[in-house]
Amino acid sequence: MVQVPAKPSRHRVAVWRELRRAGAVPVSQGTWALPATDAFRAAVERAAELAVEGGGRVAVFDVEPRDTESRVLIVDAFTAARIDEWREFTADCGKFQDEIAKEIAKEKFTFAELEEEEQSLERLRRWFRDLKKRDVLALPEARTAAELLRACARTLDGYAELVYTAVHGGPHGEVDPRTG
């Protein structure tokens, strides 16, 4: 349970962002749910620190659902939150592949562009690791996301080969006239 004064709002937002980043789901006004495991403990402690910095407080309780309906309520909330995150991730994987296709179509084969795309792939990899950590339900969407991430890596590898060939010459050492 989180209690943070409404003003200034930055403290409430900081707590909210920390809890969301950890994978917590809102249960009701000021009440969040997270699995009671060590993997989430640091995030709860950080959220509590942020609340105190904002003049608020956090109370943490370990609870167990009394019945199937209560358990389903929480599992459904976690499932919906994770599915939304996986969908957003897979959409970004599609954007990544579209971006590389656009660069190939424009024949933009530069190391600077390759480096930018490598950074984008690394961001996707970090995001995937973060999502995987909080997907305690091991949803099938995670497997789909993993396949898409591997496809992104293959796409980048293909683009890297095109850049290398364009910059350093073709298979027989010829230099591409477009890049000198």
Foldseek 3Di string as FASTA:
>chain_A
DKDFDPPPVVLVVVLVVLCVLQQWFAPDVRDTDADPDPLSVVSVVVSQVSRVVRVIGDDDDDDDDPDPVRVCSRVVRSVVSLVVLLVVLLVLLVVLLVVLVVCVVVVVQAPVVLVVSVVSLVVSVVSLVSSVSRPPVPDPSNVVSVVSSVVSVVSSVVSNVSSCCQCQHHPVRHHNPVND
